[in-house]
N, C-alpha and C. Protein backbone atom coordinates (compact mmCIF):
# COMPACT_ATOMS: atom_id res chain seq x y z
N MET A 1 18.29 -6.35 5.08
CA MET A 1 18.36 -5.16 6.01
C MET A 1 16.46 -4.16 5.23
N ILE A 2 16.36 -4.01 6.31
CA ILE A 2 15.57 -2.67 6.11
C ILE A 2 15.83 -1.22 6.22
N ARG A 3 15.43 -0.47 4.92
CA ARG A 3 15.71 0.66 4.63
C ARG A 3 14.40 1.76 4.10
N THR A 4 15.01 3.17 4.52
CA THR A 4 13.24 4.15 4.30
C THR A 4 14.08 3.61 2.05
N ALA A 5 12.85 3.90 1.55
CA ALA A 5 12.95 4.14 0.14
C ALA A 5 13.44 5.28 -0.53
N ARG A 6 13.35 5.13 -1.54
CA ARG A 6 14.58 6.26 -2.60
C ARG A 6 13.42 6.36 -3.40
N PRO A 7 13.62 7.76 -4.44
CA PRO A 7 13.29 7.70 -5.65
C PRO A 7 13.52 6.97 -6.93
N GLU A 8 14.51 6.47 -6.76
CA GLU A 8 15.57 5.28 -7.78
C GLU A 8 14.92 3.79 -7.49
N ASP A 9 14.46 3.71 -6.29
CA ASP A 9 13.90 2.55 -6.24
C ASP A 9 12.10 2.22 -6.81
N SER A 10 12.29 3.23 -7.91
CA SER A 10 10.32 2.50 -8.25
C SER A 10 10.39 1.42 -9.40
N HIS A 11 11.27 1.64 -9.92
CA HIS A 11 11.93 0.41 -10.53
C HIS A 11 11.80 -1.40 -10.26
N ALA A 12 11.83 -1.24 -8.94
CA ALA A 12 11.92 -2.58 -8.58
C ALA A 12 10.21 -2.55 -7.81
N VAL A 13 9.94 -1.25 -6.83
CA VAL A 13 9.11 -1.40 -6.40
C VAL A 13 7.83 -1.70 -6.93
N ILE A 14 7.38 -0.52 -7.99
CA ILE A 14 6.42 -0.72 -8.72
C ILE A 14 5.85 -2.18 -9.39
N PRO A 15 6.94 -2.75 -9.57
CA PRO A 15 6.16 -4.28 -10.26
C PRO A 15 5.91 -4.84 -9.33
N LEU A 16 6.20 -4.80 -8.01
CA LEU A 16 5.46 -5.37 -6.67
C LEU A 16 4.29 -4.72 -6.48
N MET A 17 4.32 -3.53 -6.67
CA MET A 17 2.79 -2.77 -5.97
C MET A 17 1.38 -3.07 -7.31
N LEU A 18 2.22 -3.28 -8.45
CA LEU A 18 1.09 -3.77 -8.81
C LEU A 18 0.56 -5.57 -9.08
N GLU A 19 1.46 -5.93 -8.26
CA GLU A 19 1.14 -7.14 -8.11
C GLU A 19 0.26 -7.30 -6.93
N ALA A 20 0.89 -6.50 -5.90
CA ALA A 20 0.12 -6.28 -4.56
C ALA A 20 -1.62 -5.81 -4.49
N ILE A 21 -1.39 -5.15 -5.22
CA ILE A 21 -2.77 -4.00 -5.52
C ILE A 21 -3.38 -4.55 -6.91
N GLY A 22 -3.12 -5.33 -7.70
CA GLY A 22 -4.05 -5.81 -8.76
C GLY A 22 -5.12 -4.38 -9.62
N ASN A 23 -6.16 -4.69 -9.62
CA ASN A 23 -6.49 -3.92 -10.60
C ASN A 23 -6.85 -2.56 -9.70
N ILE A 24 -6.64 -2.36 -8.66
CA ILE A 24 -6.86 -1.22 -8.07
C ILE A 24 -5.96 -0.13 -9.06
N ALA A 25 -4.61 -0.62 -9.18
CA ALA A 25 -3.89 -0.06 -9.92
C ALA A 25 -3.88 1.25 -11.11
N HIS A 26 -5.00 0.04 -12.00
CA HIS A 26 -5.84 0.68 -13.24
C HIS A 26 -6.43 1.90 -12.91
N ASP A 27 -7.38 1.74 -11.22
CA ASP A 27 -8.26 2.85 -10.80
C ASP A 27 -7.14 3.81 -10.53
N LEU A 28 -5.89 4.00 -10.36
CA LEU A 28 -5.72 4.51 -9.60
C LEU A 28 -4.52 5.82 -11.20
N SER A 29 -4.51 4.68 -12.16
CA SER A 29 -3.47 5.37 -13.12
C SER A 29 -4.81 6.09 -14.55
N GLY A 30 -5.88 5.83 -14.09
CA GLY A 30 -6.99 5.90 -14.75
C GLY A 30 -6.61 5.02 -16.70
N THR A 31 -6.16 4.29 -16.31
CA THR A 31 -6.15 3.30 -17.59
C THR A 31 -6.00 1.77 -17.42
N ASP A 32 -6.24 1.01 -18.46
CA ASP A 32 -6.09 -0.28 -18.46
C ASP A 32 -4.73 -0.99 -18.51
N ASP A 33 -4.24 0.33 -19.28
CA ASP A 33 -2.61 -0.48 -20.05
C ASP A 33 -1.87 -0.53 -19.08
N VAL A 34 -1.50 -1.73 -19.00
CA VAL A 34 0.04 -2.34 -17.84
C VAL A 34 0.91 -1.04 -17.79
N GLU A 35 1.63 -1.36 -19.22
CA GLU A 35 2.46 -0.35 -19.03
C GLU A 35 2.53 1.18 -19.03
N TYR A 36 1.51 1.57 -19.12
CA TYR A 36 1.32 3.23 -18.72
C TYR A 36 0.67 3.03 -17.15
N THR A 37 0.21 1.85 -16.92
CA THR A 37 -0.02 2.24 -15.73
C THR A 37 0.92 1.86 -14.86
N LYS A 38 2.43 1.06 -15.04
CA LYS A 38 3.26 1.08 -14.04
C LYS A 38 4.20 2.57 -14.52
N LYS A 39 3.69 3.82 -15.53
CA LYS A 39 4.61 4.52 -15.73
C LYS A 39 3.74 5.89 -14.27
N VAL A 40 2.64 5.97 -14.64
CA VAL A 40 1.84 6.44 -14.14
C VAL A 40 2.04 6.46 -12.27
N LEU A 41 2.17 4.85 -11.81
CA LEU A 41 2.56 4.83 -10.84
C LEU A 41 4.08 5.19 -10.30
N ALA A 42 4.51 4.79 -11.45
CA ALA A 42 6.52 5.27 -10.93
C ALA A 42 6.44 7.24 -10.69
N GLU A 43 5.54 8.02 -11.57
CA GLU A 43 5.31 9.34 -11.48
C GLU A 43 5.04 9.42 -9.81
N TYR A 44 3.88 8.79 -9.63
CA TYR A 44 3.76 8.95 -8.20
C TYR A 44 4.72 8.40 -6.88
N PHE A 45 5.42 7.82 -7.57
CA PHE A 45 5.95 7.12 -6.48
C PHE A 45 6.94 8.18 -6.53
N LYS A 46 8.04 8.62 -7.34
CA LYS A 46 8.94 9.67 -7.38
C LYS A 46 8.70 11.14 -7.07
N ALA A 47 7.17 11.24 -6.71
CA ALA A 47 6.60 12.46 -6.08
C ALA A 47 6.51 12.37 -4.45
N ALA A 48 6.56 13.43 -3.78
CA ALA A 48 6.30 13.57 -2.41
C ALA A 48 4.93 14.12 -2.44
N GLY A 49 4.36 14.27 -1.59
CA GLY A 49 2.90 14.22 -1.62
C GLY A 49 1.37 13.59 -1.55
N ASN A 50 1.60 12.42 -1.68
CA ASN A 50 0.63 11.35 -2.43
C ASN A 50 0.97 10.50 -1.53
N ARG A 51 -0.11 9.46 -1.78
CA ARG A 51 -0.27 7.95 -0.70
C ARG A 51 0.81 6.96 -1.44
N LEU A 52 1.21 7.34 -2.87
CA LEU A 52 2.01 6.22 -3.39
C LEU A 52 3.37 6.51 -3.68
N SER A 53 3.63 7.76 -2.26
CA SER A 53 5.04 8.48 -2.73
C SER A 53 6.28 7.81 -1.81
N TYR A 54 7.36 7.51 -2.30
CA TYR A 54 8.52 7.20 -1.74
C TYR A 54 8.63 7.17 -0.11
N THR A 55 8.27 8.21 -0.01
CA THR A 55 8.07 9.13 1.26
C THR A 55 7.32 8.12 1.97
N HIS A 56 6.52 7.19 2.11
CA HIS A 56 5.45 6.37 3.07
C HIS A 56 6.03 4.89 2.34
N CYS A 57 7.16 4.87 2.18
CA CYS A 57 7.55 3.40 1.74
C CYS A 57 9.15 3.23 2.58
N ILE A 58 8.93 1.75 2.55
CA ILE A 58 9.95 1.30 2.92
C ILE A 58 10.50 -0.01 2.34
N VAL A 59 11.82 -0.24 2.44
CA VAL A 59 12.49 -1.53 1.06
C VAL A 59 12.98 -2.49 2.15
N TRP A 60 12.52 -3.62 1.93
CA TRP A 60 14.04 -4.66 2.37
C TRP A 60 14.64 -5.00 1.36
N GLU A 61 16.26 -4.57 1.34
CA GLU A 61 17.20 -4.60 0.58
C GLU A 61 18.42 -6.14 0.71
N GLU A 62 18.41 -6.95 -0.08
CA GLU A 62 19.14 -8.14 -0.05
C GLU A 62 20.02 -8.08 -0.73
N HIS A 63 21.10 -7.99 -0.92
CA HIS A 63 22.31 -8.07 -2.18
C HIS A 63 22.18 -6.65 -2.82
N HIS A 64 21.88 -5.80 -2.72
CA HIS A 64 21.75 -4.60 -3.22
C HIS A 64 20.66 -4.48 -3.99
N GLU A 65 19.81 -5.68 -3.73
CA GLU A 65 18.53 -5.73 -4.33
C GLU A 65 17.30 -5.58 -3.61
N VAL A 66 16.40 -4.52 -4.19
CA VAL A 66 14.71 -4.71 -3.44
C VAL A 66 14.06 -5.57 -3.46
N ALA A 67 13.88 -6.64 -2.37
CA ALA A 67 13.46 -7.56 -2.00
C ALA A 67 12.37 -7.74 -1.95
N GLY A 68 11.59 -6.39 -1.37
CA GLY A 68 10.35 -6.20 -0.81
C GLY A 68 10.23 -4.87 -0.31
N PHE A 69 8.78 -4.57 -0.27
CA PHE A 69 8.22 -3.32 -0.13
C PHE A 69 7.11 -3.24 0.97
N ALA A 70 6.97 -1.73 1.84
CA ALA A 70 5.66 -2.00 2.58
C ALA A 70 5.74 -0.16 1.99
N LEU A 71 4.00 0.32 1.73
CA LEU A 71 3.67 1.64 1.77
C LEU A 71 3.00 1.84 2.74
N PHE A 72 2.84 2.90 3.62
CA PHE A 72 1.66 3.04 4.83
C PHE A 72 1.27 3.95 4.80
N TYR A 73 0.69 4.88 5.71
CA TYR A 73 0.60 6.10 5.66
C TYR A 73 -0.39 6.64 6.99
N ASP A 74 -0.64 7.36 7.36
CA ASP A 74 -1.28 7.94 8.54
C ASP A 74 -3.02 8.24 8.45
N GLY A 75 -3.59 7.09 8.79
CA GLY A 75 -5.48 7.54 8.12
C GLY A 75 -5.66 9.24 8.17
N SER A 76 -5.57 9.78 9.16
CA SER A 76 -5.85 11.28 9.38
C SER A 76 -5.23 12.09 7.97
N GLU A 77 -4.56 11.42 6.87
CA GLU A 77 -3.71 12.09 5.78
C GLU A 77 -4.67 11.74 4.28
N VAL A 78 -5.57 10.95 4.43
CA VAL A 78 -5.54 10.67 3.19
C VAL A 78 -6.40 10.88 2.43
N HIS A 79 -7.41 12.37 2.93
CA HIS A 79 -7.94 12.95 1.66
C HIS A 79 -6.91 13.96 1.16
N MET A 80 -5.81 14.36 2.52
CA MET A 80 -4.63 15.32 1.96
C MET A 80 -3.79 14.63 0.67
N LEU A 81 -2.94 13.40 0.65
CA LEU A 81 -2.78 12.16 0.24
C LEU A 81 -3.06 12.09 -0.97
N ASP A 82 -4.84 11.56 -1.01
CA ASP A 82 -5.44 11.39 -2.87
C ASP A 82 -5.49 12.75 -3.09
N ALA A 83 -5.09 13.38 -3.04
CA ALA A 83 -5.85 15.11 -3.51
C ALA A 83 -5.01 14.58 -5.24
N PRO A 84 -4.05 14.62 -4.87
CA PRO A 84 -3.22 14.72 -6.20
C PRO A 84 -3.68 13.62 -7.17
N LEU A 85 -3.88 12.57 -6.69
CA LEU A 85 -4.24 11.44 -7.72
C LEU A 85 -5.61 11.97 -7.91
N GLU A 86 -7.19 11.92 -7.52
CA GLU A 86 -8.17 12.46 -7.65
C GLU A 86 -8.16 13.61 -8.55
N GLU A 87 -7.21 15.16 -8.50
CA GLU A 87 -6.93 15.89 -9.72
C GLU A 87 -6.55 15.58 -10.96
N ARG A 88 -5.24 14.62 -10.98
CA ARG A 88 -4.96 14.05 -12.14
C ARG A 88 -6.48 13.11 -12.81
N LEU A 89 -6.70 12.17 -11.76
CA LEU A 89 -8.20 11.21 -12.76
C LEU A 89 -9.05 11.99 -13.13
N SER A 90 -9.54 13.02 -12.57
CA SER A 90 -10.54 14.70 -12.74
C SER A 90 -10.00 14.91 -14.30
N LYS A 91 -8.82 15.01 -14.41
CA LYS A 91 -8.16 15.39 -15.67
C LYS A 91 -8.31 14.57 -16.61
N VAL A 92 -8.49 13.01 -16.32
CA VAL A 92 -8.11 11.94 -17.07
C VAL A 92 -9.38 11.67 -17.95
N HIS A 93 -10.54 11.82 -17.05
CA HIS A 93 -11.53 10.99 -16.94
C HIS A 93 -13.05 12.07 -17.68
N GLY A 94 -12.44 13.35 -17.43
CA GLY A 94 -13.25 14.43 -17.96
C GLY A 94 -14.46 15.26 -16.75
N HIS A 95 -14.32 14.33 -15.52
CA HIS A 95 -15.33 14.73 -14.10
C HIS A 95 -14.67 15.06 -13.23
N PRO A 96 -15.37 15.08 -12.35
CA PRO A 96 -14.55 14.98 -10.75
C PRO A 96 -14.60 13.36 -10.30
N VAL A 97 -13.43 13.02 -9.81
CA VAL A 97 -13.22 11.82 -9.72
C VAL A 97 -12.38 11.77 -7.79
N GLN A 98 -13.55 10.87 -7.33
CA GLN A 98 -13.03 10.63 -5.64
C GLN A 98 -13.04 9.41 -5.39
N LEU A 99 -11.69 9.09 -4.79
CA LEU A 99 -11.15 7.47 -5.05
C LEU A 99 -12.18 7.67 -3.50
N ILE A 100 -11.95 5.75 -3.18
CA ILE A 100 -12.67 5.35 -2.16
C ILE A 100 -11.76 5.13 -1.15
N LYS A 101 -12.27 5.77 0.11
CA LYS A 101 -10.64 5.89 1.25
C LYS A 101 -10.86 4.54 1.91
N GLU A 102 -9.65 4.18 1.53
CA GLU A 102 -9.09 2.72 2.36
C GLU A 102 -9.09 3.19 3.82
N SER A 103 -8.35 4.10 4.09
CA SER A 103 -7.81 4.02 5.66
C SER A 103 -8.86 5.01 6.01
N GLN A 104 -9.00 5.26 7.56
CA GLN A 104 -9.67 5.68 8.46
C GLN A 104 -8.66 6.96 9.45
N ARG A 105 -9.30 7.68 9.96
CA ARG A 105 -8.99 8.50 10.70
C ARG A 105 -8.57 7.87 12.28
N GLY A 106 -7.44 8.15 12.33
CA GLY A 106 -7.20 7.23 14.11
C GLY A 106 -6.24 5.96 13.91
N GLU A 107 -6.05 5.61 12.96
CA GLU A 107 -5.32 4.26 12.26
C GLU A 107 -4.00 4.03 11.23
N PHE A 108 -2.89 3.95 11.40
CA PHE A 108 -1.94 3.88 10.59
C PHE A 108 -2.48 2.42 9.76
N TYR A 109 -2.28 2.71 8.39
CA TYR A 109 -2.72 2.01 7.34
C TYR A 109 -1.39 1.51 6.23
N LEU A 110 -1.50 0.06 6.26
CA LEU A 110 -0.49 -0.68 4.96
C LEU A 110 -1.41 -0.22 3.86
N ASP A 111 -0.76 0.49 3.22
CA ASP A 111 -1.13 0.70 1.88
C ASP A 111 -1.35 -0.99 0.90
N SER A 112 -0.06 -0.96 0.75
CA SER A 112 0.43 -2.63 0.29
C SER A 112 1.83 -2.69 0.54
N LEU A 113 2.31 -4.09 0.68
CA LEU A 113 2.95 -5.26 0.51
C LEU A 113 3.28 -6.10 0.19
N ALA A 114 4.88 -6.21 -0.68
CA ALA A 114 4.36 -7.44 -1.53
C ALA A 114 6.52 -7.65 -1.16
N VAL A 115 6.77 -8.93 -1.56
CA VAL A 115 7.65 -9.47 -1.80
C VAL A 115 8.12 -10.52 -3.12
N ASP A 116 9.03 -9.86 -3.57
CA ASP A 116 9.64 -10.52 -4.94
C ASP A 116 9.66 -11.83 -4.44
N ALA A 117 8.95 -12.23 -5.97
CA ALA A 117 9.03 -13.87 -5.75
C ALA A 117 10.61 -14.82 -5.04
N LYS A 118 11.07 -14.16 -5.88
CA LYS A 118 13.08 -14.87 -5.28
C LYS A 118 13.10 -14.91 -3.82
N TYR A 119 12.47 -13.96 -3.23
CA TYR A 119 12.44 -14.03 -1.48
C TYR A 119 11.95 -14.28 -0.90
N ARG A 120 10.66 -14.86 -1.46
CA ARG A 120 9.63 -15.41 -0.36
C ARG A 120 10.16 -16.75 0.73
N GLY A 121 9.34 -16.90 1.00
CA GLY A 121 9.52 -17.85 2.48
C GLY A 121 10.61 -17.49 3.33
N ARG A 122 10.69 -16.68 2.95
CA ARG A 122 12.45 -16.19 4.28
C ARG A 122 11.61 -15.10 5.13
N GLY A 123 10.20 -14.77 5.59
CA GLY A 123 10.11 -13.86 6.81
C GLY A 123 10.64 -12.33 6.34
N ILE A 124 10.54 -12.00 5.20
CA ILE A 124 10.49 -10.44 5.16
C ILE A 124 9.26 -9.73 5.41
N ALA A 125 8.21 -10.59 4.61
CA ALA A 125 6.55 -9.81 4.73
C ALA A 125 6.71 -9.31 6.38
N LYS A 126 6.89 -10.44 7.12
CA LYS A 126 6.78 -10.35 8.87
C LYS A 126 7.54 -9.18 9.06
N HIS A 127 8.91 -8.99 8.65
CA HIS A 127 9.54 -7.99 8.90
C HIS A 127 9.07 -6.88 8.78
N LEU A 128 8.67 -6.35 7.84
CA LEU A 128 8.38 -5.22 6.83
C LEU A 128 6.88 -5.03 7.57
N MET A 129 6.15 -5.73 8.03
CA MET A 129 4.83 -5.77 8.84
C MET A 129 5.44 -5.17 10.53
N ALA A 130 6.62 -5.66 10.96
CA ALA A 130 6.49 -5.24 12.10
C ALA A 130 7.14 -3.68 12.54
N ALA A 131 8.08 -3.75 11.00
CA ALA A 131 8.53 -1.99 11.05
C ALA A 131 7.36 -1.16 10.91
N PHE A 132 6.32 -1.44 10.20
CA PHE A 132 5.08 -0.83 9.59
C PHE A 132 4.44 -0.41 10.45
N GLU A 133 3.86 -1.23 11.88
CA GLU A 133 3.91 -1.16 13.09
C GLU A 133 4.62 -0.38 14.45
N GLN A 134 5.95 -0.52 14.27
CA GLN A 134 6.45 0.59 14.70
C GLN A 134 6.45 1.85 14.80
N GLU A 135 6.33 1.89 13.48
CA GLU A 135 6.52 3.07 12.94
C GLU A 135 4.85 3.57 13.43
N ALA A 136 3.53 2.57 13.39
CA ALA A 136 2.48 3.21 14.04
C ALA A 136 2.84 3.69 15.40
N VAL A 137 3.53 3.04 16.12
CA VAL A 137 3.53 3.61 17.75
C VAL A 137 5.00 4.47 17.63
N LYS A 138 5.37 4.67 16.84
CA LYS A 138 6.88 5.86 17.19
C LYS A 138 5.56 7.07 16.66
N ARG A 139 4.86 7.05 16.13
CA ARG A 139 3.97 8.50 15.59
C ARG A 139 2.71 8.74 16.66
N GLY A 140 2.47 7.65 17.35
CA GLY A 140 1.37 7.95 18.70
C GLY A 140 0.29 6.94 18.18
N LEU A 141 -0.21 6.73 17.21
CA LEU A 141 -1.15 5.94 16.69
C LEU A 141 -1.07 4.41 17.71
N GLN A 142 -2.47 4.33 17.75
CA GLN A 142 -2.67 2.76 18.49
C GLN A 142 -3.31 1.44 17.68
N ARG A 143 -3.16 1.72 16.32
CA ARG A 143 -4.46 0.83 15.91
C ARG A 143 -3.22 0.61 14.42
N ALA A 144 -3.06 -0.49 13.99
CA ALA A 144 -2.52 -0.49 12.57
C ALA A 144 -4.22 -1.12 11.63
N ALA A 145 -3.81 -0.89 10.53
CA ALA A 145 -4.70 -1.52 9.49
C ALA A 145 -3.88 -1.99 7.99
N LEU A 146 -5.44 -2.38 7.79
CA LEU A 146 -4.98 -2.60 6.24
C LEU A 146 -6.22 -3.28 5.67
N LEU A 147 -6.32 -3.55 4.30
CA LEU A 147 -7.35 -4.40 3.49
C LEU A 147 -6.45 -5.32 2.91
N VAL A 148 -7.59 -6.65 3.09
CA VAL A 148 -7.20 -7.59 2.27
C VAL A 148 -8.58 -7.94 1.09
N ASP A 149 -7.92 -8.81 0.19
CA ASP A 149 -8.94 -8.93 -1.10
C ASP A 149 -9.65 -10.62 0.05
N VAL A 150 -10.97 -10.57 -0.05
CA VAL A 150 -11.51 -11.63 0.73
C VAL A 150 -11.21 -12.80 -0.19
N ALA A 151 -10.74 -13.36 -1.32
CA ALA A 151 -10.35 -13.86 -2.03
C ALA A 151 -9.22 -14.64 -1.20
N ASN A 152 -8.24 -13.82 -1.24
CA ASN A 152 -6.62 -14.05 -0.65
C ASN A 152 -6.54 -14.79 0.47
N GLU A 153 -6.70 -16.15 0.43
CA GLU A 153 -6.76 -16.47 1.48
C GLU A 153 -5.38 -16.58 2.28
N LYS A 154 -4.38 -16.70 1.20
CA LYS A 154 -3.06 -16.94 1.75
C LYS A 154 -2.64 -15.70 2.55
N ALA A 155 -3.03 -14.40 2.07
CA ALA A 155 -2.21 -12.73 2.69
C ALA A 155 -3.47 -12.84 4.01
N ARG A 156 -5.03 -13.18 4.25
CA ARG A 156 -5.30 -13.62 5.21
C ARG A 156 -4.81 -14.07 6.04
N ARG A 157 -4.13 -14.98 5.89
CA ARG A 157 -3.49 -16.22 6.91
C ARG A 157 -2.33 -15.53 7.74
N LEU A 158 -1.45 -14.64 6.69
CA LEU A 158 -0.45 -14.37 7.41
C LEU A 158 -0.67 -12.77 7.92
N TYR A 159 -1.51 -12.01 7.62
CA TYR A 159 -2.30 -11.34 8.79
C TYR A 159 -2.76 -11.64 9.64
N GLU A 160 -3.86 -12.77 9.78
CA GLU A 160 -4.29 -13.30 11.22
C GLU A 160 -3.06 -13.79 12.08
N ALA A 161 -2.28 -14.14 11.62
CA ALA A 161 -0.63 -14.59 12.02
C ALA A 161 -0.16 -13.64 12.74
N GLN A 162 -0.36 -12.44 12.35
CA GLN A 162 0.37 -11.68 12.83
C GLN A 162 -0.74 -10.29 14.02
N GLY A 163 -1.62 -10.97 14.32
CA GLY A 163 -2.69 -10.31 15.29
C GLY A 163 -3.85 -9.25 14.27
N TYR A 164 -3.63 -9.70 13.43
CA TYR A 164 -4.74 -8.99 12.20
C TYR A 164 -6.36 -9.40 12.44
N HIS A 165 -7.42 -8.67 12.55
CA HIS A 165 -8.72 -9.29 12.54
C HIS A 165 -9.67 -8.36 11.83
N ALA A 166 -10.48 -9.22 11.00
CA ALA A 166 -11.64 -8.18 10.23
C ALA A 166 -12.51 -7.95 11.20
N ASP A 167 -12.67 -6.43 11.04
CA ASP A 167 -13.31 -5.72 11.75
C ASP A 167 -15.04 -5.43 11.21
N GLY A 168 -15.44 -5.90 10.13
CA GLY A 168 -16.82 -6.25 9.73
C GLY A 168 -16.61 -4.72 8.36
N LEU A 169 -16.29 -4.21 8.23
CA LEU A 169 -16.13 -3.25 7.13
C LEU A 169 -15.38 -3.72 6.11
N VAL A 170 -16.34 -4.01 4.97
CA VAL A 170 -16.10 -4.38 3.38
C VAL A 170 -16.44 -3.66 2.20
N LEU A 171 -14.96 -3.05 1.79
CA LEU A 171 -15.19 -2.16 0.34
C LEU A 171 -15.11 -2.70 -0.33
N THR A 172 -15.22 -2.09 -1.69
CA THR A 172 -15.83 -2.66 -2.71
C THR A 172 -14.53 -1.91 -3.69
N ILE A 173 -13.44 -1.77 -4.35
CA ILE A 173 -12.61 -1.30 -4.91
C ILE A 173 -12.29 -1.75 -6.20
N ALA A 174 -12.23 -1.43 -7.28
CA ALA A 174 -11.99 -2.05 -8.73
C ALA A 174 -12.44 -3.60 -8.63
N ASN A 175 -13.96 -3.27 -8.33
CA ASN A 175 -14.88 -4.86 -8.65
C ASN A 175 -14.54 -5.77 -7.72
N ASP A 176 -13.88 -5.87 -6.86
CA ASP A 176 -13.28 -6.40 -6.17
C ASP A 176 -13.25 -6.28 -4.29
N ASP A 177 -13.52 -7.23 -3.61
CA ASP A 177 -14.26 -7.37 -2.42
C ASP A 177 -12.80 -7.18 -1.22
N TYR A 178 -12.87 -6.10 -0.32
CA TYR A 178 -11.76 -5.84 0.18
C TYR A 178 -12.46 -6.08 1.83
N ASP A 179 -11.73 -7.16 2.85
CA ASP A 179 -12.27 -6.64 4.44
C ASP A 179 -10.95 -5.66 5.10
N HIS A 180 -11.33 -4.58 5.74
CA HIS A 180 -10.56 -4.14 6.41
C HIS A 180 -10.31 -5.04 7.65
N MET A 181 -9.06 -4.47 7.69
CA MET A 181 -8.50 -5.75 9.22
C MET A 181 -7.80 -4.68 10.04
N VAL A 182 -7.71 -5.27 11.22
CA VAL A 182 -6.80 -4.36 11.93
C VAL A 182 -6.14 -4.74 13.31
N LYS A 183 -5.32 -4.14 13.68
CA LYS A 183 -4.45 -4.35 15.16
C LYS A 183 -4.41 -3.47 15.75
N PRO A 184 -4.60 -3.89 16.90
CA PRO A 184 -3.99 -2.92 18.42
C PRO A 184 -2.69 -2.84 18.21
N VAL A 185 -1.96 -1.17 18.12
CA VAL A 185 -0.27 -1.49 19.01
C VAL A 185 -0.02 -0.51 19.82
N SER A 186 1.09 -0.90 20.41
CA SER A 186 1.55 0.38 20.84
C SER A 186 2.45 -0.15 21.77
């Protein structure tokens, strides 16, 4: 069952988020320490007004347990949603930090999606993606978008099977290359 996320879901969502975004998590936290990264991500998740907030997240719940999540937002809001992260990172690093903008105006952006290993193979990711796309339509956006690590063929196949295609834009984030993939929704 899909439901909106709550702050208390952080204990289940953050490990999945870390798995989904890999080294990007360390860039967002300002540290390579895994436990501290989880702590920082949990703080962002529990707070409103940033791109990692529970307010931009849905979860798939099975047997009263979070089995998967999807985090998404309107690309036109990326500068506002990144501001709290950039402010914190600027303090950590002692100089201004500007994050690479993963999304664009006019698209509804799937920031991250993951399903717990024990629940994989049941179509949960497809249900979460469908809910994400329905939310895009509900908000009046005509294009859904996401990034996929160029080396992650399994994820690419999932996205292509759902109608996404690479649009030629490649972003390098946390020393990894990502294809920007889009899909018209209506």
